[in-house]
């Protein structure tokens, strides 16, 4: 319950950033999807703690000496364990 509240708040904050601040900065994101979209997708896929961790890790690597290119959010494996 608390995790969903925090997730919603962080996603709202990112959406606010996308709508209000992002248009005033040059388009310099090195990754696809953008870091802000990655944060939203990561939170939706993994929940607040793990998703925020993945998102902030991505933001920290978005610099001239970091990576670039297509970098999707890792997906949860809904695989069933085989029985012996």
PDB file of N, CA and C in Angstrom:
ATOM      1  N   UNK A   1       0.821  -1.189   0.000  1.00  0.00           N
ATOM      2  CA  UNK A   1       0.000   0.000   0.000  1.00  0.00           C
ATOM      3  C   UNK A   1       0.876   1.268   0.000  1.00  0.00           C
ATOM      4  N   UNK A   2       1.842   1.315   0.908  1.00  0.00           N
ATOM      5  CA  UNK A   2       2.742   2.470   0.980  1.00  0.00           C
ATOM      6  C   UNK A   2       3.586   2.541  -0.291  1.00  0.00           C
ATOM      7  N   UNK A   3       4.033   1.375  -0.774  1.00  0.00           N
ATOM      8  CA  UNK A   3       4.836   1.333  -1.989  1.00  0.00           C
ATOM      9  C   UNK A   3       4.083   1.909  -3.179  1.00  0.00           C
ATOM     10  N   UNK A   4       2.779   1.612  -3.278  1.00  0.00           N
ATOM     11  CA  UNK A   4       1.977   2.150  -4.380  1.00  0.00           C
ATOM     12  C   UNK A   4       1.838   3.660  -4.264  1.00  0.00           C
ATOM     13  N   UNK A   5       1.718   4.157  -3.042  1.00  0.00           N
ATOM     14  CA  UNK A   5       1.637   5.604  -2.823  1.00  0.00           C
ATOM     15  C   UNK A   5       2.936   6.278  -3.259  1.00  0.00           C
ATOM     16  N   UNK A   6       4.071   5.732  -2.808  1.00  0.00           N
ATOM     17  CA  UNK A   6       5.372   6.290  -3.185  1.00  0.00           C
ATOM     18  C   UNK A   6       5.591   6.187  -4.697  1.00  0.00           C
ATOM     19  N   UNK A   7       5.191   5.062  -5.279  1.00  0.00           N
ATOM     20  CA  UNK A   7       5.326   4.884  -6.729  1.00  0.00           C
ATOM     21  C   UNK A   7       4.538   5.960  -7.473  1.00  0.00           C
ATOM     22  N   UNK A   8       3.291   6.161  -7.052  1.00  0.00           N
ATOM     23  CA  UNK A   8       2.455   7.170  -7.691  1.00  0.00           C
ATOM     24  C   UNK A   8       3.030   8.571  -7.562  1.00  0.00           C
ATOM     25  N   UNK A   9       3.566   8.879  -6.381  1.00  0.00           N
ATOM     26  CA  UNK A   9       4.159  10.197  -6.168  1.00  0.00           C
ATOM     27  C   UNK A   9       5.398  10.410  -7.035  1.00  0.00           C
ATOM     28  N   UNK A  10       6.263   9.393  -7.108  1.00  0.00           N
ATOM     29  CA  UNK A  10       7.479   9.529  -7.913  1.00  0.00           C
ATOM     30  C   UNK A  10       7.135   9.624  -9.400  1.00  0.00           C
ATOM     31  N   UNK A  11       6.180   8.831  -9.859  1.00  0.00           N
ATOM     32  CA  UNK A  11       5.754   8.917 -11.256  1.00  0.00           C
ATOM     33  C   UNK A  11       5.158  10.297 -11.540  1.00  0.00           C
ATOM     34  N   UNK A  12       4.358  10.829 -10.618  1.00  0.00           N
ATOM     35  CA  UNK A  12       3.792  12.170 -10.789  1.00  0.00           C
ATOM     36  C   UNK A  12       4.900  13.220 -10.853  1.00  0.00           C
ATOM     37  N   UNK A  13       5.916  13.069 -10.019  1.00  0.00           N
ATOM     38  CA  UNK A  13       7.042  13.996 -10.030  1.00  0.00           C
ATOM     39  C   UNK A  13       7.774  13.947 -11.372  1.00  0.00           C
ATOM     40  N   UNK A  14       7.993  12.737 -11.893  1.00  0.00           N
ATOM     41  CA  UNK A  14       8.675  12.590 -13.185  1.00  0.00           C
ATOM     42  C   UNK A  14       7.821  13.194 -14.299  1.00  0.00           C
ATOM     43  N   UNK A  15       6.509  12.948 -14.268  1.00  0.00           N
ATOM     44  CA  UNK A  15       5.611  13.524 -15.277  1.00  0.00           C
ATOM     45  C   UNK A  15       5.632  15.055 -15.209  1.00  0.00           C
ATOM     46  N   UNK A  16       5.673  15.599 -13.997  1.00  0.00           N
ATOM     47  CA  UNK A  16       5.753  17.052 -13.821  1.00  0.00           C
ATOM     48  C   UNK A  16       7.059  17.573 -14.427  1.00  0.00           C
ATOM     49  N   UNK A  17       8.152  16.875 -14.170  1.00  0.00           N
ATOM     50  CA  UNK A  17       9.440  17.240 -14.773  1.00  0.00           C
ATOM     51  C   UNK A  17       9.332  17.224 -16.294  1.00  0.00           C
ATOM     52  N   UNK A  18       8.720  16.161 -16.853  1.00  0.00           N
ATOM     53  CA  UNK A  18       8.599  16.039 -18.308  1.00  0.00           C
ATOM     54  C   UNK A  18       7.781  17.188 -18.897  1.00  0.00           C
ATOM     55  N   UNK A  19       6.748  17.624 -18.187  1.00  0.00           N
ATOM     56  CA  UNK A  19       5.862  18.656 -18.712  1.00  0.00           C
ATOM     57  C   UNK A  19       6.389  20.073 -18.491  1.00  0.00           C
ATOM     58  N   UNK A  20       7.054  20.309 -17.346  1.00  0.00           N
ATOM     59  CA  UNK A  20       7.410  21.674 -16.975  1.00  0.00           C
ATOM     60  C   UNK A  20       8.878  22.011 -17.256  1.00  0.00           C
ATOM     61  N   UNK A  21       9.792  21.164 -16.860  1.00  0.00           N
ATOM     62  CA  UNK A  21      11.216  21.487 -16.977  1.00  0.00           C
ATOM     63  C   UNK A  21      11.879  20.961 -18.238  1.00  0.00           C
ATOM     64  N   UNK A  22      11.585  19.746 -18.610  1.00  0.00           N
ATOM     65  CA  UNK A  22      12.256  19.102 -19.736  1.00  0.00           C
ATOM     66  C   UNK A  22      12.199  19.909 -21.036  1.00  0.00           C
ATOM     67  N   UNK A  23      11.081  20.566 -21.364  1.00  0.00           N
ATOM     68  CA  UNK A  23      11.050  21.331 -22.623  1.00  0.00           C
ATOM     69  C   UNK A  23      12.080  22.464 -22.686  1.00  0.00           C
ATOM     70  N   UNK A  24      12.599  22.901 -21.549  1.00  0.00           N
ATOM     71  CA  UNK A  24      13.552  24.002 -21.526  1.00  0.00           C
ATOM     72  C   UNK A  24      15.011  23.551 -21.607  1.00  0.00           C
ATOM     73  N   UNK A  25      15.239  22.255 -21.575  1.00  0.00           N
ATOM     74  CA  UNK A  25      16.588  21.713 -21.690  1.00  0.00           C
ATOM     75  C   UNK A  25      16.794  21.162 -23.098  1.00  0.00           C
ATOM     76  N   UNK A  26      18.018  21.231 -23.613  1.00  0.00           N
ATOM     77  CA  UNK A  26      18.257  20.639 -24.943  1.00  0.00           C
ATOM     78  C   UNK A  26      18.068  19.120 -24.886  1.00  0.00           C
ATOM     79  N   UNK A  27      17.644  18.538 -25.986  1.00  0.00           N
ATOM     80  CA  UNK A  27      17.441  17.094 -26.057  1.00  0.00           C
ATOM     81  C   UNK A  27      18.810  16.418 -26.087  1.00  0.00           C
ATOM     82  N   UNK A  28      19.285  16.013 -24.925  1.00  0.00           N
ATOM     83  CA  UNK A  28      20.636  15.470 -24.828  1.00  0.00           C
ATOM     84  C   UNK A  28      20.660  14.046 -24.264  1.00  0.00           C
ATOM     85  N   UNK A  29      19.511  13.404 -24.173  1.00  0.00           N
ATOM     86  CA  UNK A  29      19.484  12.060 -23.599  1.00  0.00           C
ATOM     87  C   UNK A  29      20.235  11.101 -24.518  1.00  0.00           C
ATOM     88  N   UNK A  30      21.085  10.285 -23.920  1.00  0.00           N
ATOM     89  CA  UNK A  30      21.929   9.363 -24.667  1.00  0.00           C
ATOM     90  C   UNK A  30      21.260   8.003 -24.878  1.00  0.00           C
ATOM     91  N   UNK A  31      20.157   7.792 -24.200  1.00  0.00           N
ATOM     92  CA  UNK A  31      19.510   6.485 -24.226  1.00  0.00           C
ATOM     93  C   UNK A  31      18.111   6.540 -24.841  1.00  0.00           C
ATOM     94  N   UNK A  32      17.657   5.387 -25.262  1.00  0.00           N
ATOM     95  CA  UNK A  32      16.270   5.168 -25.652  1.00  0.00           C
ATOM     96  C   UNK A  32      15.779   3.979 -24.836  1.00  0.00           C
ATOM     97  N   UNK A  33      14.703   4.079 -24.100  1.00  0.00           N
ATOM     98  CA  UNK A  33      13.885   5.249 -23.835  1.00  0.00           C
ATOM     99  C   UNK A  33      14.643   6.285 -22.995  1.00  0.00           C
ATOM    100  N   UNK A  34      14.107   7.505 -22.960  1.00  0.00           N
ATOM    101  CA  UNK A  34      14.756   8.560 -22.184  1.00  0.00           C
ATOM    102  C   UNK A  34      14.827   8.151 -20.718  1.00  0.00           C
ATOM    103  N   UNK A  35      15.679   8.804 -19.973  1.00  0.00           N
ATOM    104  CA  UNK A  35      15.852   8.458 -18.566  1.00  0.00           C
ATOM    105  C   UNK A  35      14.566   8.642 -17.766  1.00  0.00           C
ATOM    106  N   UNK A  36      13.806   9.689 -18.059  1.00  0.00           N
ATOM    107  CA  UNK A  36      12.557   9.899 -17.322  1.00  0.00           C
ATOM    108  C   UNK A  36      11.527   8.821 -17.669  1.00  0.00           C
ATOM    109  N   UNK A  37      11.436   8.445 -18.949  1.00  0.00           N
ATOM    110  CA  UNK A  37      10.509   7.383 -19.327  1.00  0.00           C
ATOM    111  C   UNK A  37      10.969   6.048 -18.754  1.00  0.00           C
ATOM    112  N   UNK A  38      12.269   5.825 -18.721  1.00  0.00           N
ATOM    113  CA  UNK A  38      12.832   4.609 -18.128  1.00  0.00           C
ATOM    114  C   UNK A  38      12.428   4.519 -16.653  1.00  0.00           C
ATOM    115  N   UNK A  39      12.524   5.637 -15.925  1.00  0.00           N
ATOM    116  CA  UNK A  39      12.156   5.652 -14.507  1.00  0.00           C
ATOM    117  C   UNK A  39      10.707   5.230 -14.324  1.00  0.00           C
ATOM    118  N   UNK A  40       9.806   5.772 -15.132  1.00  0.00           N
ATOM    119  CA  UNK A  40       8.383   5.429 -15.026  1.00  0.00           C
ATOM    120  C   UNK A  40       8.170   3.951 -15.327  1.00  0.00           C
ATOM    121  N   UNK A  41       8.763   3.460 -16.397  1.00  0.00           N
ATOM    122  CA  UNK A  41       8.607   2.051 -16.770  1.00  0.00           C
ATOM    123  C   UNK A  41       9.191   1.122 -15.703  1.00  0.00           C
ATOM    124  N   UNK A  42      10.322   1.487 -15.138  1.00  0.00           N
ATOM    125  CA  UNK A  42      10.963   0.660 -14.111  1.00  0.00           C
ATOM    126  C   UNK A  42      10.097   0.582 -12.861  1.00  0.00           C
ATOM    127  N   UNK A  43       9.509   1.697 -12.458  1.00  0.00           N
ATOM    128  CA  UNK A  43       8.644   1.698 -11.274  1.00  0.00           C
ATOM    129  C   UNK A  43       7.407   0.853 -11.532  1.00  0.00           C
ATOM    130  N   UNK A  44       6.832   0.961 -12.720  1.00  0.00           N
ATOM    131  CA  UNK A  44       5.647   0.151 -13.043  1.00  0.00           C
ATOM    132  C   UNK A  44       5.978  -1.336 -13.099  1.00  0.00           C
ATOM    133  N   UNK A  45       7.153  -1.667 -13.583  1.00  0.00           N
ATOM    134  CA  UNK A  45       7.544  -3.076 -13.714  1.00  0.00           C
ATOM    135  C   UNK A  45       7.978  -3.680 -12.377  1.00  0.00           C
ATOM    136  N   UNK A  46       8.757  -2.937 -11.599  1.00  0.00           N
ATOM    137  CA  UNK A  46       9.411  -3.498 -10.418  1.00  0.00           C
ATOM    138  C   UNK A  46       8.908  -2.967  -9.082  1.00  0.00           C
ATOM    139  N   UNK A  47       8.052  -1.951  -9.099  1.00  0.00           N
ATOM    140  CA  UNK A  47       7.615  -1.357  -7.844  1.00  0.00           C
ATOM    141  C   UNK A  47       8.549  -0.213  -7.448  1.00  0.00           C
ATOM    142  N   UNK A  48       8.221   0.439  -6.345  1.00  0.00           N
ATOM    143  CA  UNK A  48       8.925   1.658  -5.968  1.00  0.00           C
ATOM    144  C   UNK A  48      10.414   1.450  -5.719  1.00  0.00           C
ATOM    145  N   UNK A  49      10.797   0.560  -4.820  1.00  0.00           N
ATOM    146  CA  UNK A  49      12.203   0.462  -4.388  1.00  0.00           C
ATOM    147  C   UNK A  49      13.125   0.013  -5.502  1.00  0.00           C
ATOM    148  N   UNK A  50      12.825  -1.106  -6.107  1.00  0.00           N
ATOM    149  CA  UNK A  50      13.679  -1.635  -7.176  1.00  0.00           C
ATOM    150  C   UNK A  50      13.605  -0.742  -8.418  1.00  0.00           C
ATOM    151  N   UNK A  51      12.395  -0.270  -8.755  1.00  0.00           N
ATOM    152  CA  UNK A  51      12.229   0.593  -9.926  1.00  0.00           C
ATOM    153  C   UNK A  51      12.966   1.914  -9.789  1.00  0.00           C
ATOM    154  N   UNK A  52      12.857   2.531  -8.610  1.00  0.00           N
ATOM    155  CA  UNK A  52      13.569   3.790  -8.379  1.00  0.00           C
ATOM    156  C   UNK A  52      15.075   3.558  -8.422  1.00  0.00           C
ATOM    157  N   UNK A  53      15.515   2.437  -7.866  1.00  0.00           N
ATOM    158  CA  UNK A  53      16.937   2.109  -7.892  1.00  0.00           C
ATOM    159  C   UNK A  53      17.443   1.969  -9.331  1.00  0.00           C
ATOM    160  N   UNK A  54      16.697   1.251 -10.158  1.00  0.00           N
ATOM    161  CA  UNK A  54      17.068   1.108 -11.568  1.00  0.00           C
ATOM    162  C   UNK A  54      17.059   2.460 -12.275  1.00  0.00           C
ATOM    163  N   UNK A  55      16.051   3.269 -12.002  1.00  0.00           N
ATOM    164  CA  UNK A  55      15.945   4.580 -12.640  1.00  0.00           C
ATOM    165  C   UNK A  55      17.087   5.509 -12.265  1.00  0.00           C
ATOM    166  N   UNK A  56      17.414   5.566 -10.974  1.00  0.00           N
ATOM    167  CA  UNK A  56      18.503   6.442 -10.550  1.00  0.00           C
ATOM    168  C   UNK A  56      19.862   5.933 -11.044  1.00  0.00           C
ATOM    169  N   UNK A  57      20.001   4.614 -11.135  1.00  0.00           N
ATOM    170  CA  UNK A  57      21.234   4.056 -11.689  1.00  0.00           C
ATOM    171  C   UNK A  57      21.390   4.472 -13.151  1.00  0.00           C
ATOM    172  N   UNK A  58      20.294   4.455 -13.893  1.00  0.00           N
ATOM    173  CA  UNK A  58      20.313   4.869 -15.301  1.00  0.00           C
ATOM    174  C   UNK A  58      20.672   6.339 -15.425  1.00  0.00           C
ATOM    175  N   UNK A  59      20.037   7.183 -14.590  1.00  0.00           N
ATOM    176  CA  UNK A  59      20.326   8.624 -14.626  1.00  0.00           C
ATOM    177  C   UNK A  59      21.796   8.879 -14.314  1.00  0.00           C
ATOM    178  N   UNK A  60      22.346   8.137 -13.366  1.00  0.00           N
ATOM    179  CA  UNK A  60      23.753   8.311 -13.000  1.00  0.00           C
ATOM    180  C   UNK A  60      24.696   7.926 -14.140  1.00  0.00           C
ATOM    181  N   UNK A  61      24.262   7.033 -15.031  1.00  0.00           N
ATOM    182  CA  UNK A  61      25.135   6.619 -16.138  1.00  0.00           C
ATOM    183  C   UNK A  61      24.950   7.483 -17.384  1.00  0.00           C
ATOM    184  N   UNK A  62      24.045   8.442 -17.324  1.00  0.00           N
ATOM    185  CA  UNK A  62      23.761   9.290 -18.485  1.00  0.00           C
ATOM    186  C   UNK A  62      24.663  10.519 -18.453  1.00  0.00           C
ATOM    187  N   UNK A  63      25.875  10.339 -18.917  1.00  0.00           N
ATOM    188  CA  UNK A  63      26.864  11.412 -18.990  1.00  0.00           C
ATOM    189  C   UNK A  63      27.765  11.129 -20.192  1.00  0.00           C
ATOM    190  N   UNK A  64      28.584  12.071 -20.591  1.00  0.00           N
ATOM    191  CA  UNK A  64      29.380  11.878 -21.812  1.00  0.00           C
ATOM    192  C   UNK A  64      30.264  10.629 -21.824  1.00  0.00           C
ATOM    193  N   UNK A  65      30.680  10.139 -20.684  1.00  0.00           N
ATOM    194  CA  UNK A  65      31.546   8.952 -20.637  1.00  0.00           C
ATOM    195  C   UNK A  65      30.760   7.686 -20.313  1.00  0.00           C
ATOM    196  N   UNK A  66      29.444   7.817 -20.207  1.00  0.00           N
ATOM    197  CA  UNK A  66      28.596   6.666 -19.906  1.00  0.00           C
ATOM    198  C   UNK A  66      28.163   5.957 -21.172  1.00  0.00           C
ATOM    199  N   UNK A  67      27.189   5.106 -21.023  1.00  0.00           N
ATOM    200  CA  UNK A  67      26.689   4.347 -22.166  1.00  0.00           C
ATOM    201  C   UNK A  67      25.735   5.158 -23.013  1.00  0.00           C
ATOM    202  N   UNK A  68      25.192   4.515 -24.032  1.00  0.00           N
ATOM    203  CA  UNK A  68      24.199   5.147 -24.890  1.00  0.00           C
ATOM    204  C   UNK A  68      23.506   4.062 -25.697  1.00  0.00           C
ATOM    205  N   UNK A  69      22.435   4.438 -26.392  1.00  0.00           N
ATOM    206  CA  UNK A  69      21.724   3.496 -27.249  1.00  0.00           C
ATOM    207  C   UNK A  69      20.457   2.968 -26.612  1.00  0.00           C
ATOM    208  N   UNK A  70      19.970   1.872 -27.166  1.00  0.00           N
ATOM    209  CA  UNK A  70      18.733   1.261 -26.682  1.00  0.00           C
ATOM    210  C   UNK A  70      19.010   0.493 -25.401  1.00  0.00           C
ATOM    211  N   UNK A  71      18.299   0.845 -24.337  1.00  0.00           N
ATOM    212  CA  UNK A  71      18.492   0.229 -23.030  1.00  0.00           C
ATOM    213  C   UNK A  71      17.137   0.097 -22.347  1.00  0.00           C
ATOM    214  N   UNK A  72      16.398  -0.973 -22.641  1.00  0.00           N
ATOM    215  CA  UNK A  72      15.067  -1.126 -22.050  1.00  0.00           C
ATOM    216  C   UNK A  72      15.137  -1.536 -20.582  1.00  0.00           C
ATOM    217  N   UNK A  73      14.037  -1.346 -19.887  1.00  0.00           N
ATOM    218  CA  UNK A  73      13.914  -1.789 -18.499  1.00  0.00           C
ATOM    219  C   UNK A  73      13.933  -3.312 -18.487  1.00  0.00           C
ATOM    220  N   UNK A  74      14.740  -3.924 -17.615  1.00  0.00           N
ATOM    221  CA  UNK A  74      14.703  -5.389 -17.531  1.00  0.00           C
ATOM    222  C   UNK A  74      13.319  -5.847 -17.067  1.00  0.00           C
ATOM    223  N   UNK A  75      12.831  -6.899 -17.660  1.00  0.00           N
ATOM    224  CA  UNK A  75      11.499  -7.423 -17.336  1.00  0.00           C
ATOM    225  C   UNK A  75      11.604  -8.508 -16.280  1.00  0.00           C
ATOM    226  N   UNK A  76      10.549  -8.605 -15.501  1.00  0.00           N
ATOM    227  CA  UNK A  76      10.471  -9.696 -14.525  1.00  0.00           C
ATOM    228  C   UNK A  76      10.253 -10.997 -15.290  1.00  0.00           C
ATOM    229  N   UNK A  77      10.847 -12.034 -14.818  1.00  0.00           N
ATOM    230  CA  UNK A  77      10.626 -13.342 -15.425  1.00  0.00           C
ATOM    231  C   UNK A  77       9.442 -13.991 -14.726  1.00  0.00           C
ATOM    232  N   UNK A  78       8.394 -14.243 -15.474  1.00  0.00           N
ATOM    233  CA  UNK A  78       7.216 -14.916 -14.916  1.00  0.00           C
ATOM    234  C   UNK A  78       7.291 -16.402 -15.210  1.00  0.00           C
ATOM    235  N   UNK A  79       8.518 -16.896 -15.259  1.00  0.00           N
ATOM    236  CA  UNK A  79       8.745 -18.290 -15.600  1.00  0.00           C
ATOM    237  C   UNK A  79       8.365 -19.178 -14.421  1.00  0.00           C
ATOM    238  N   UNK A  80       7.770 -20.289 -14.738  1.00  0.00           N
ATOM    239  CA  UNK A  80       7.491 -21.272 -13.692  1.00  0.00           C
ATOM    240  C   UNK A  80       8.678 -22.203 -13.593  1.00  0.00           C
ATOM    241  N   UNK A  81       9.005 -22.585 -12.383  1.00  0.00           N
ATOM    242  CA  UNK A  81      10.126 -23.504 -12.186  1.00  0.00           C
ATOM    243  C   UNK A  81       9.692 -24.908 -12.597  1.00  0.00           C
ATOM    244  N   UNK A  82      10.528 -25.569 -13.361  1.00  0.00           N
ATOM    245  CA  UNK A  82      10.182 -26.941 -13.772  1.00  0.00           C
ATOM    246  C   UNK A  82      10.219 -27.885 -12.573  1.00  0.00           C
ATOM    247  N   UNK A  83       9.293 -28.823 -12.586  1.00  0.00           N
ATOM    248  CA  UNK A  83       9.267 -29.817 -11.510  1.00  0.00           C
ATOM    249  C   UNK A  83      10.168 -30.978 -11.878  1.00  0.00           C
ATOM    250  N   UNK A  84      10.775 -31.557 -10.888  1.00  0.00           N
ATOM    251  CA  UNK A  84      11.676 -32.694 -11.122  1.00  0.00           C
ATOM    252  C   UNK A  84      10.915 -33.977 -11.117  1.00  0.00           C
TER     253      UNK A  84
END
